Amino acid sequence: MKKWTLSLLAMLMLLLVGCNRSGVVRYELIGGDPEIDYIEFLNDSLCRFVAPGQLTLHSPYTRQGETYTVIIHGMIEARLHDYEPDKLIGEPPFFEGVWEKK
C-alpha cells in the first residue's frame, strides 16, 4: 500500500474515533440482534451499520424531509423513512423492517 493511502486511512480513522458519541443517534431493528442489526447516525452526513458478513461500514447519508438515503460503496442507495415518532421503516433489500430509536 502506498504511503499516501496509509496516511489517508490513518486520518480517516482519527476523524471517526474523534467523533463525539454524545451526538450519535442509534436505531435497532425491531426483533433483530442489537449487536448487528443497528444503524447509527454519527453526525448530519455519516452513518455506521453492519453489512452482510458482519462488516461494519461507515457510509454517507442525506436526509430530505422524512427520507434518509444511505449511499453504500458510493453507488448503492438504501432508504429509510420516518414511520412513527422514534421509528424508521426501511425499504427492501437494505434496512428492511422497522427500526426503533434507542
PDB file of N, CA and C in Angstrom:
ATOM      1  N   MET A   1       0.841  -1.167   0.000  1.00  0.00           N
ATOM      2  CA  MET A   1       0.000   0.000   0.000  1.00  0.00           C
ATOM      3  C   MET A   1       0.894   1.241   0.000  1.00  0.00           C
ATOM      4  N   LYS A   2       0.529   2.242  -0.744  1.00  0.00           N
ATOM      5  CA  LYS A   2       1.343   3.452  -0.832  1.00  0.00           C
ATOM      6  C   LYS A   2       1.241   4.263   0.457  1.00  0.00           C
ATOM      7  N   LYS A   3       2.286   5.045   0.717  1.00  0.00           N
ATOM      8  CA  LYS A   3       2.330   5.843   1.949  1.00  0.00           C
ATOM      9  C   LYS A   3       1.163   6.822   2.045  1.00  0.00           C
ATOM     10  N   TRP A   4       0.797   7.461   0.939  1.00  0.00           N
ATOM     11  CA  TRP A   4      -0.293   8.440   0.991  1.00  0.00           C
ATOM     12  C   TRP A   4      -1.616   7.775   1.311  1.00  0.00           C
ATOM     13  N   THR A   5      -1.793   6.527   0.846  1.00  0.00           N
ATOM     14  CA  THR A   5      -3.022   5.793   1.142  1.00  0.00           C
ATOM     15  C   THR A   5      -3.096   5.475   2.633  1.00  0.00           C
ATOM     16  N   LEU A   6      -1.981   5.037   3.197  1.00  0.00           N
ATOM     17  CA  LEU A   6      -1.946   4.747   4.632  1.00  0.00           C
ATOM     18  C   LEU A   6      -2.189   6.014   5.446  1.00  0.00           C
ATOM     19  N   SER A   7      -1.608   7.125   5.007  1.00  0.00           N
ATOM     20  CA  SER A   7      -1.821   8.393   5.713  1.00  0.00           C
ATOM     21  C   SER A   7      -3.280   8.803   5.663  1.00  0.00           C
ATOM     22  N   LEU A   8      -3.889   8.654   4.496  1.00  0.00           N
ATOM     23  CA  LEU A   8      -5.302   8.992   4.349  1.00  0.00           C
ATOM     24  C   LEU A   8      -6.174   8.115   5.240  1.00  0.00           C
ATOM     25  N   LEU A   9      -5.886   6.812   5.269  1.00  0.00           N
ATOM     26  CA  LEU A   9      -6.649   5.905   6.130  1.00  0.00           C
ATOM     27  C   LEU A   9      -6.468   6.261   7.608  1.00  0.00           C
ATOM     28  N   ALA A  10      -5.252   6.610   7.990  1.00  0.00           N
ATOM     29  CA  ALA A  10      -4.994   6.978   9.385  1.00  0.00           C
ATOM     30  C   ALA A  10      -5.762   8.239   9.758  1.00  0.00           C
ATOM     31  N   MET A  11      -5.776   9.230   8.860  1.00  0.00           N
ATOM     32  CA  MET A  11      -6.524  10.457   9.139  1.00  0.00           C
ATOM     33  C   MET A  11      -8.010  10.186   9.243  1.00  0.00           C
ATOM     34  N   LEU A  12      -8.534   9.319   8.374  1.00  0.00           N
ATOM     35  CA  LEU A  12      -9.948   8.966   8.420  1.00  0.00           C
ATOM     36  C   LEU A  12     -10.291   8.274   9.736  1.00  0.00           C
ATOM     37  N   MET A  13      -9.452   7.360  10.171  1.00  0.00           N
ATOM     38  CA  MET A  13      -9.706   6.654  11.432  1.00  0.00           C
ATOM     39  C   MET A  13      -9.676   7.629  12.615  1.00  0.00           C
ATOM     40  N   LEU A  14      -8.723   8.565  12.606  1.00  0.00           N
ATOM     41  CA  LEU A  14      -8.680   9.560  13.683  1.00  0.00           C
ATOM     42  C   LEU A  14      -9.937  10.407  13.692  1.00  0.00           C
ATOM     43  N   LEU A  15     -10.410  10.771  12.516  1.00  0.00           N
ATOM     44  CA  LEU A  15     -11.642  11.546  12.426  1.00  0.00           C
ATOM     45  C   LEU A  15     -12.817  10.761  12.999  1.00  0.00           C
ATOM     46  N   LEU A  16     -12.915   9.488  12.644  1.00  0.00           N
ATOM     47  CA  LEU A  16     -14.022   8.668  13.123  1.00  0.00           C
ATOM     48  C   LEU A  16     -13.939   8.432  14.623  1.00  0.00           C
ATOM     49  N   VAL A  17     -12.736   8.185  15.126  1.00  0.00           N
ATOM     50  CA  VAL A  17     -12.557   7.968  16.561  1.00  0.00           C
ATOM     51  C   VAL A  17     -12.850   9.249  17.325  1.00  0.00           C
ATOM     52  N   GLY A  18     -12.531  10.387  16.723  1.00  0.00           N
ATOM     53  CA  GLY A  18     -12.732  11.661  17.380  1.00  0.00           C
ATOM     54  C   GLY A  18     -14.168  12.140  17.400  1.00  0.00           C
ATOM     55  N   CYS A  19     -15.061  11.442  16.696  1.00  0.00           N
ATOM     56  CA  CYS A  19     -16.466  11.851  16.693  1.00  0.00           C
ATOM     57  C   CYS A  19     -17.021  11.797  18.108  1.00  0.00           C
ATOM     58  N   ASN A  20     -17.784  12.782  18.475  1.00  0.00           N
ATOM     59  CA  ASN A  20     -18.389  12.843  19.799  1.00  0.00           C
ATOM     60  C   ASN A  20     -19.568  11.883  19.854  1.00  0.00           C
ATOM     61  N   ARG A  21     -19.460  10.842  20.646  1.00  0.00           N
ATOM     62  CA  ARG A  21     -20.510   9.821  20.737  1.00  0.00           C
ATOM     63  C   ARG A  21     -21.812  10.390  21.296  1.00  0.00           C
ATOM     64  N   SER A  22     -21.766  11.518  21.993  1.00  0.00           N
ATOM     65  CA  SER A  22     -22.995  12.046  22.581  1.00  0.00           C
ATOM     66  C   SER A  22     -23.994  12.464  21.509  1.00  0.00           C
ATOM     67  N   GLY A  23     -23.515  12.746  20.288  1.00  0.00           N
ATOM     68  CA  GLY A  23     -24.408  13.146  19.216  1.00  0.00           C
ATOM     69  C   GLY A  23     -24.889  11.985  18.371  1.00  0.00           C
ATOM     70  N   VAL A  24     -24.488  10.762  18.688  1.00  0.00           N
ATOM     71  CA  VAL A  24     -24.856   9.588  17.911  1.00  0.00           C
ATOM     72  C   VAL A  24     -26.321   9.237  18.165  1.00  0.00           C
ATOM     73  N   VAL A  25     -27.049   9.018  17.080  1.00  0.00           N
ATOM     74  CA  VAL A  25     -28.441   8.582  17.187  1.00  0.00           C
ATOM     75  C   VAL A  25     -28.488   7.146  16.692  1.00  0.00           C
ATOM     76  N   ARG A  26     -28.886   6.223  17.557  1.00  0.00           N
ATOM     77  CA  ARG A  26     -28.864   4.797  17.247  1.00  0.00           C
ATOM     78  C   ARG A  26     -30.280   4.270  17.077  1.00  0.00           C
ATOM     79  N   TYR A  27     -30.476   3.483  16.019  1.00  0.00           N
ATOM     80  CA  TYR A  27     -31.723   2.762  15.783  1.00  0.00           C
ATOM     81  C   TYR A  27     -31.387   1.280  15.723  1.00  0.00           C
ATOM     82  N   GLU A  28     -32.262   0.450  16.295  1.00  0.00           N
ATOM     83  CA  GLU A  28     -32.103  -1.001  16.237  1.00  0.00           C
ATOM     84  C   GLU A  28     -33.320  -1.603  15.561  1.00  0.00           C
ATOM     85  N   LEU A  29     -33.088  -2.655  14.789  1.00  0.00           N
ATOM     86  CA  LEU A  29     -34.163  -3.351  14.094  1.00  0.00           C
ATOM     87  C   LEU A  29     -35.038  -4.062  15.115  1.00  0.00           C
ATOM     88  N   ILE A  30     -36.327  -3.811  15.075  1.00  0.00           N
ATOM     89  CA  ILE A  30     -37.252  -4.480  15.994  1.00  0.00           C
ATOM     90  C   ILE A  30     -37.241  -5.973  15.681  1.00  0.00           C
ATOM     91  N   GLY A  31     -36.978  -6.784  16.699  1.00  0.00           N
ATOM     92  CA  GLY A  31     -36.906  -8.233  16.535  1.00  0.00           C
ATOM     93  C   GLY A  31     -35.551  -8.719  16.058  1.00  0.00           C
ATOM     94  N   GLY A  32     -34.607  -7.800  15.874  1.00  0.00           N
ATOM     95  CA  GLY A  32     -33.275  -8.175  15.403  1.00  0.00           C
ATOM     96  C   GLY A  32     -32.292  -8.340  16.543  1.00  0.00           C
ATOM     97  N   ASP A  33     -31.063  -8.640  16.193  1.00  0.00           N
ATOM     98  CA  ASP A  33     -29.969  -8.769  17.156  1.00  0.00           C
ATOM     99  C   ASP A  33     -29.313  -7.397  17.304  1.00  0.00           C
ATOM    100  N   PRO A  34     -29.383  -6.773  18.480  1.00  0.00           N
ATOM    101  CA  PRO A  34     -28.839  -5.430  18.648  1.00  0.00           C
ATOM    102  C   PRO A  34     -27.340  -5.322  18.385  1.00  0.00           C
ATOM    103  N   GLU A  35     -26.630  -6.446  18.408  1.00  0.00           N
ATOM    104  CA  GLU A  35     -25.193  -6.427  18.139  1.00  0.00           C
ATOM    105  C   GLU A  35     -24.883  -6.196  16.662  1.00  0.00           C
ATOM    106  N   ILE A  36     -25.811  -6.598  15.781  1.00  0.00           N
ATOM    107  CA  ILE A  36     -25.550  -6.452  14.343  1.00  0.00           C
ATOM    108  C   ILE A  36     -26.658  -5.734  13.585  1.00  0.00           C
ATOM    109  N   ASP A  37     -27.848  -5.682  14.135  1.00  0.00           N
ATOM    110  CA  ASP A  37     -28.983  -5.061  13.439  1.00  0.00           C
ATOM    111  C   ASP A  37     -29.224  -3.656  13.979  1.00  0.00           C
ATOM    112  N   TYR A  38     -28.306  -2.751  13.631  1.00  0.00           N
ATOM    113  CA  TYR A  38     -28.410  -1.367  14.074  1.00  0.00           C
ATOM    114  C   TYR A  38     -27.918  -0.445  12.965  1.00  0.00           C
ATOM    115  N   ILE A  39     -28.321   0.791  13.069  1.00  0.00           N
ATOM    116  CA  ILE A  39     -27.771   1.860  12.250  1.00  0.00           C
ATOM    117  C   ILE A  39     -27.577   3.051  13.177  1.00  0.00           C
ATOM    118  N   GLU A  40     -26.384   3.629  13.135  1.00  0.00           N
ATOM    119  CA  GLU A  40     -26.059   4.782  13.967  1.00  0.00           C
ATOM    120  C   GLU A  40     -25.785   5.977  13.059  1.00  0.00           C
ATOM    121  N   PHE A  41     -26.490   7.059  13.305  1.00  0.00           N
ATOM    122  CA  PHE A  41     -26.256   8.302  12.595  1.00  0.00           C
ATOM    123  C   PHE A  41     -25.241   9.081  13.436  1.00  0.00           C
ATOM    124  N   LEU A  42     -24.005   9.135  12.951  1.00  0.00           N
ATOM    125  CA  LEU A  42     -22.898   9.697  13.723  1.00  0.00           C
ATOM    126  C   LEU A  42     -22.899  11.217  13.730  1.00  0.00           C
ATOM    127  N   ASN A  43     -23.369  11.801  12.652  1.00  0.00           N
ATOM    128  CA  ASN A  43     -23.498  13.253  12.550  1.00  0.00           C
ATOM    129  C   ASN A  43     -24.513  13.537  11.447  1.00  0.00           C
ATOM    130  N   ASP A  44     -24.481  14.703  10.864  1.00  0.00           N
ATOM    131  CA  ASP A  44     -25.504  15.031   9.869  1.00  0.00           C
ATOM    132  C   ASP A  44     -25.189  14.523   8.464  1.00  0.00           C
ATOM    133  N   SER A  45     -24.129  13.719   8.314  1.00  0.00           N
ATOM    134  CA  SER A  45     -23.807  13.204   6.980  1.00  0.00           C
ATOM    135  C   SER A  45     -23.150  11.828   6.962  1.00  0.00           C
ATOM    136  N   LEU A  46     -22.898  11.201   8.120  1.00  0.00           N
ATOM    137  CA  LEU A  46     -22.207   9.916   8.175  1.00  0.00           C
ATOM    138  C   LEU A  46     -22.947   8.962   9.109  1.00  0.00           C
ATOM    139  N   CYS A  47     -23.125   7.716   8.648  1.00  0.00           N
ATOM    140  CA  CYS A  47     -23.757   6.696   9.492  1.00  0.00           C
ATOM    141  C   CYS A  47     -22.899   5.441   9.518  1.00  0.00           C
ATOM    142  N   ARG A  48     -23.203   4.573  10.488  1.00  0.00           N
ATOM    143  CA  ARG A  48     -22.472   3.303  10.659  1.00  0.00           C
ATOM    144  C   ARG A  48     -23.504   2.197  10.819  1.00  0.00           C
ATOM    145  N   PHE A  49     -23.226   1.048  10.180  1.00  0.00           N
ATOM    146  CA  PHE A  49     -24.114  -0.103  10.280  1.00  0.00           C
ATOM    147  C   PHE A  49     -23.320  -1.357   9.962  1.00  0.00           C
ATOM    148  N   VAL A  50     -23.908  -2.509  10.232  1.00  0.00           N
ATOM    149  CA  VAL A  50     -23.260  -3.788   9.945  1.00  0.00           C
ATOM    150  C   VAL A  50     -23.872  -4.349   8.668  1.00  0.00           C
ATOM    151  N   ALA A  51     -23.008  -4.606   7.698  1.00  0.00           N
ATOM    152  CA  ALA A  51     -23.429  -5.159   6.413  1.00  0.00           C
ATOM    153  C   ALA A  51     -23.372  -6.689   6.483  1.00  0.00           C
ATOM    154  N   PRO A  52     -23.944  -7.366   5.494  1.00  0.00           N
ATOM    155  CA  PRO A  52     -23.826  -8.824   5.461  1.00  0.00           C
ATOM    156  C   PRO A  52     -22.359  -9.254   5.574  1.00  0.00           C
ATOM    157  N   GLY A  53     -22.137 -10.334   6.294  1.00  0.00           N
ATOM    158  CA  GLY A  53     -20.778 -10.796   6.555  1.00  0.00           C
ATOM    159  C   GLY A  53     -20.185 -10.136   7.781  1.00  0.00           C
ATOM    160  N   GLN A  54     -21.017  -9.438   8.529  1.00  0.00           N
ATOM    161  CA  GLN A  54     -20.655  -8.750   9.768  1.00  0.00           C
ATOM    162  C   GLN A  54     -19.531  -7.748   9.563  1.00  0.00           C
ATOM    163  N   LEU A  55     -19.568  -7.051   8.437  1.00  0.00           N
ATOM    164  CA  LEU A  55     -18.621  -5.993   8.130  1.00  0.00           C
ATOM    165  C   LEU A  55     -19.240  -4.659   8.533  1.00  0.00           C
ATOM    166  N   THR A  56     -18.586  -3.928   9.433  1.00  0.00           N
ATOM    167  CA  THR A  56     -19.080  -2.624   9.850  1.00  0.00           C
ATOM    168  C   THR A  56     -18.689  -1.591   8.796  1.00  0.00           C
ATOM    169  N   LEU A  57     -19.681  -0.883   8.279  1.00  0.00           N
ATOM    170  CA  LEU A  57     -19.448   0.124   7.253  1.00  0.00           C
ATOM    171  C   LEU A  57     -19.784   1.513   7.773  1.00  0.00           C
ATOM    172  N   HIS A  58     -19.044   2.486   7.303  1.00  0.00           N
ATOM    173  CA  HIS A  58     -19.336   3.897   7.510  1.00  0.00           C
ATOM    174  C   HIS A  58     -19.718   4.441   6.144  1.00  0.00           C
ATOM    175  N   SER A  59     -20.894   5.012   6.040  1.00  0.00           N
ATOM    176  CA  SER A  59     -21.386   5.495   4.754  1.00  0.00           C
ATOM    177  C   SER A  59     -21.980   6.889   4.904  1.00  0.00           C
ATOM    178  N   PRO A  60     -21.861   7.687   3.846  1.00  0.00           N
ATOM    179  CA  PRO A  60     -22.529   8.983   3.873  1.00  0.00           C
ATOM    180  C   PRO A  60     -24.033   8.803   3.702  1.00  0.00           C
ATOM    181  N   TYR A  61     -24.784   9.755   4.213  1.00  0.00           N
ATOM    182  CA  TYR A  61     -26.233   9.742   4.019  1.00  0.00           C
ATOM    183  C   TYR A  61     -26.724  11.169   3.893  1.00  0.00           C
ATOM    184  N   THR A  62     -27.900  11.289   3.333  1.00  0.00           N
ATOM    185  CA  THR A  62     -28.577  12.585   3.278  1.00  0.00           C
ATOM    186  C   THR A  62     -29.970  12.399   3.859  1.00  0.00           C
ATOM    187  N   ARG A  63     -30.539  13.502   4.293  1.00  0.00           N
ATOM    188  CA  ARG A  63     -31.922  13.466   4.770  1.00  0.00           C
ATOM    189  C   ARG A  63     -32.681  14.576   4.069  1.00  0.00           C
ATOM    190  N   GLN A  64     -33.757  14.186   3.411  1.00  0.00           N
ATOM    191  CA  GLN A  64     -34.637  15.154   2.777  1.00  0.00           C
ATOM    192  C   GLN A  64     -36.042  14.864   3.276  1.00  0.00           C
ATOM    193  N   GLY A  65     -36.575  15.808   4.043  1.00  0.00           N
ATOM    194  CA  GLY A  65     -37.904  15.606   4.612  1.00  0.00           C
ATOM    195  C   GLY A  65     -37.902  14.420   5.550  1.00  0.00           C
ATOM    196  N   GLU A  66     -38.713  13.426   5.234  1.00  0.00           N
ATOM    197  CA  GLU A  66     -38.850  12.234   6.083  1.00  0.00           C
ATOM    198  C   GLU A  66     -38.035  11.052   5.572  1.00  0.00           C
ATOM    199  N   THR A  67     -37.163  11.270   4.582  1.00  0.00           N
ATOM    200  CA  THR A  67     -36.417  10.178   3.972  1.00  0.00           C
ATOM    201  C   THR A  67     -34.918  10.312   4.191  1.00  0.00           C
ATOM    202  N   TYR A  68     -34.312   9.234   4.706  1.00  0.00           N
ATOM    203  CA  TYR A  68     -32.865   9.116   4.823  1.00  0.00           C
ATOM    204  C   TYR A  68     -32.395   8.278   3.630  1.00  0.00           C
ATOM    205  N   THR A  69     -31.390   8.752   2.911  1.00  0.00           N
ATOM    206  CA  THR A  69     -30.808   7.986   1.812  1.00  0.00           C
ATOM    207  C   THR A  69     -29.355   7.703   2.161  1.00  0.00           C
ATOM    208  N   VAL A  70     -29.030   6.413   2.346  1.00  0.00           N
ATOM    209  CA  VAL A  70     -27.680   5.975   2.690  1.00  0.00           C
ATOM    210  C   VAL A  70     -26.998   5.539   1.399  1.00  0.00           C
ATOM    211  N   ILE A  71     -25.805   6.066   1.150  1.00  0.00           N
ATOM    212  CA  ILE A  71     -25.040   5.726  -0.043  1.00  0.00           C
ATOM    213  C   ILE A  71     -24.018   4.654   0.353  1.00  0.00           C
ATOM    214  N   ILE A  72     -24.216   3.438  -0.145  1.00  0.00           N
ATOM    215  CA  ILE A  72     -23.356   2.306   0.199  1.00  0.00           C
ATOM    216  C   ILE A  72     -22.341   2.105  -0.924  1.00  0.00           C
ATOM    217  N   HIS A  73     -21.068   2.139  -0.570  1.00  0.00           N
ATOM    218  CA  HIS A  73     -19.950   1.972  -1.518  1.00  0.00           C
ATOM    219  C   HIS A  73     -20.010   2.971  -2.665  1.00  0.00           C
ATOM    220  N   GLY A  74     -20.575   4.131  -2.423  1.00  0.00           N
ATOM    221  CA  GLY A  74     -20.592   5.196  -3.406  1.00  0.00           C
ATOM    222  C   GLY A  74     -21.511   4.994  -4.591  1.00  0.00           C
ATOM    223  N   MET A  75     -22.283   3.882  -4.606  1.00  0.00           N
ATOM    224  CA  MET A  75     -23.113   3.645  -5.786  1.00  0.00           C
ATOM    225  C   MET A  75     -24.485   3.055  -5.496  1.00  0.00           C
ATOM    226  N   ILE A  76     -24.697   2.517  -4.329  1.00  0.00           N
ATOM    227  CA  ILE A  76     -25.979   1.889  -3.999  1.00  0.00           C
ATOM    228  C   ILE A  76     -26.719   2.795  -3.021  1.00  0.00           C
ATOM    229  N   GLU A  77     -27.980   3.078  -3.307  1.00  0.00           N
ATOM    230  CA  GLU A  77     -28.779   3.895  -2.413  1.00  0.00           C
ATOM    231  C   GLU A  77     -29.769   3.030  -1.643  1.00  0.00           C
ATOM    232  N   ALA A  78     -29.761   3.181  -0.331  1.00  0.00           N
ATOM    233  CA  ALA A  78     -30.705   2.482   0.543  1.00  0.00           C
ATOM    234  C   ALA A  78     -31.506   3.549   1.279  1.00  0.00           C
ATOM    235  N   ARG A  79     -32.798   3.315   1.436  1.00  0.00           N
ATOM    236  CA  ARG A  79     -33.652   4.350   2.027  1.00  0.00           C
ATOM    237  C   ARG A  79     -34.381   3.869   3.280  1.00  0.00           C
ATOM    238  N   LEU A  80     -34.503   4.809   4.213  1.00  0.00           N
ATOM    239  CA  LEU A  80     -35.320   4.641   5.405  1.00  0.00           C
ATOM    240  C   LEU A  80     -36.224   5.859   5.483  1.00  0.00           C
ATOM    241  N   HIS A  81     -37.413   5.660   6.021  1.00  0.00           N
ATOM    242  CA  HIS A  81     -38.397   6.739   6.109  1.00  0.00           C
ATOM    243  C   HIS A  81     -38.899   6.871   7.546  1.00  0.00           C
ATOM    244  N   ASP A  82     -39.168   8.119   7.960  1.00  0.00           N
ATOM    245  CA  ASP A  82     -39.818   8.318   9.259  1.00  0.00           C
ATOM    246  C   ASP A  82     -41.129   7.549   9.237  1.00  0.00           C
ATOM    247  N   TYR A  83     -41.374   6.798  10.289  1.00  0.00           N
ATOM    248  CA  TYR A  83     -42.550   5.915  10.348  1.00  0.00           C
ATOM    249  C   TYR A  83     -43.500   6.376  11.445  1.00  0.00           C
ATOM    250  N   GLU A  84     -42.998   6.498  12.612  1.00  0.00           N
ATOM    251  CA  GLU A  84     -43.701   7.000  13.798  1.00  0.00           C
ATOM    252  C   GLU A  84     -42.653   7.761  14.594  1.00  0.00           C
ATOM    253  N   PRO A  85     -43.052   8.481  15.627  1.00  0.00           N
ATOM    254  CA  PRO A  85     -42.012   9.107  16.451  1.00  0.00           C
ATOM    255  C   PRO A  85     -41.014   8.043  16.937  1.00  0.00           C
ATOM    256  N   ASP A  86     -39.754   8.310  16.731  1.00  0.00           N
ATOM    257  CA  ASP A  86     -38.653   7.431  17.153  1.00  0.00           C
ATOM    258  C   ASP A  86     -38.615   6.093  16.416  1.00  0.00           C
ATOM    259  N   LYS A  87     -39.229   6.009  15.237  1.00  0.00           N
ATOM    260  CA  LYS A  87     -39.163   4.789  14.435  1.00  0.00           C
ATOM    261  C   LYS A  87     -38.947   5.129  12.969  1.00  0.00           C
ATOM    262  N   LEU A  88     -38.168   4.277  12.304  1.00  0.00           N
ATOM    263  CA  LEU A  88     -37.945   4.383  10.865  1.00  0.00           C
ATOM    264  C   LEU A  88     -38.392   3.084  10.227  1.00  0.00           C
ATOM    265  N   ILE A  89     -38.799   3.150   8.968  1.00  0.00           N
ATOM    266  CA  ILE A  89     -39.103   1.932   8.220  1.00  0.00           C
ATOM    267  C   ILE A  89     -38.169   1.912   7.011  1.00  0.00           C
ATOM    268  N   GLY A  90     -37.490   0.775   6.836  1.00  0.00           N
ATOM    269  CA  GLY A  90     -36.518   0.638   5.764  1.00  0.00           C
ATOM    270  C   GLY A  90     -37.093  -0.056   4.546  1.00  0.00           C
ATOM    271  N   GLU A  91     -36.629   0.367   3.379  1.00  0.00           N
ATOM    272  CA  GLU A  91     -37.046  -0.262   2.122  1.00  0.00           C
ATOM    273  C   GLU A  91     -36.197  -1.509   1.875  1.00  0.00           C
ATOM    274  N   PRO A  92     -36.810  -2.552   1.286  1.00  0.00           N
ATOM    275  CA  PRO A  92     -36.022  -3.714   0.887  1.00  0.00           C
ATOM    276  C   PRO A  92     -35.097  -3.344  -0.263  1.00  0.00           C
ATOM    277  N   PRO A  93     -33.995  -3.994  -0.472  1.00  0.00           N
ATOM    278  CA  PRO A  93     -33.464  -5.111   0.308  1.00  0.00           C
ATOM    279  C   PRO A  93     -32.567  -4.671   1.457  1.00  0.00           C
ATOM    280  N   PHE A  94     -32.203  -3.383   1.534  1.00  0.00           N
ATOM    281  CA  PHE A  94     -31.342  -2.896   2.609  1.00  0.00           C
ATOM    282  C   PHE A  94     -32.207  -2.266   3.691  1.00  0.00           C
ATOM    283  N   PHE A  95     -31.872  -2.537   4.926  1.00  0.00           N
ATOM    284  CA  PHE A  95     -32.557  -1.945   6.078  1.00  0.00           C
ATOM    285  C   PHE A  95     -34.044  -2.282   6.120  1.00  0.00           C
ATOM    286  N   GLU A  96     -34.439  -3.387   5.535  1.00  0.00           N
ATOM    287  CA  GLU A  96     -35.847  -3.795   5.512  1.00  0.00           C
ATOM    288  C   GLU A  96     -36.349  -4.019   6.934  1.00  0.00           C
ATOM    289  N   GLY A  97     -37.498  -3.454   7.250  1.00  0.00           N
ATOM    290  CA  GLY A  97     -38.112  -3.639   8.552  1.00  0.00           C
ATOM    291  C   GLY A  97     -38.288  -2.317   9.279  1.00  0.00           C
ATOM    292  N   VAL A  98     -38.700  -2.414  10.534  1.00  0.00           N
ATOM    293  CA  VAL A  98     -38.953  -1.238  11.366  1.00  0.00           C
ATOM    294  C   VAL A  98     -37.801  -1.102  12.362  1.00  0.00           C
ATOM    295  N   TRP A  99     -37.258   0.101  12.457  1.00  0.00           N
ATOM    296  CA  TRP A  99     -36.115   0.405  13.302  1.00  0.00           C
ATOM    297  C   TRP A  99     -36.557   1.368  14.387  1.00  0.00           C
ATOM    298  N   GLU A 100     -36.177   1.059  15.633  1.00  0.00           N
ATOM    299  CA  GLU A 100     -36.589   1.862  16.781  1.00  0.00           C
ATOM    300  C   GLU A 100     -35.398   2.608  17.368  1.00  0.00           C
ATOM    301  N   LYS A 101     -35.606   3.883  17.695  1.00  0.00           N
ATOM    302  CA  LYS A 101     -34.563   4.708  18.279  1.00  0.00           C
ATOM    303  C   LYS A 101     -34.257   4.227  19.700  1.00  0.00           C
ATOM    304  N   LYS A 102     -33.000   4.120  20.013  1.00  0.00           N
ATOM    305  CA  LYS A 102     -32.561   3.670  21.347  1.00  0.00           C
ATOM    306  C   LYS A 102     -31.879   4.788  22.094  1.00  0.00           C
TER     307      LYS A 102
END
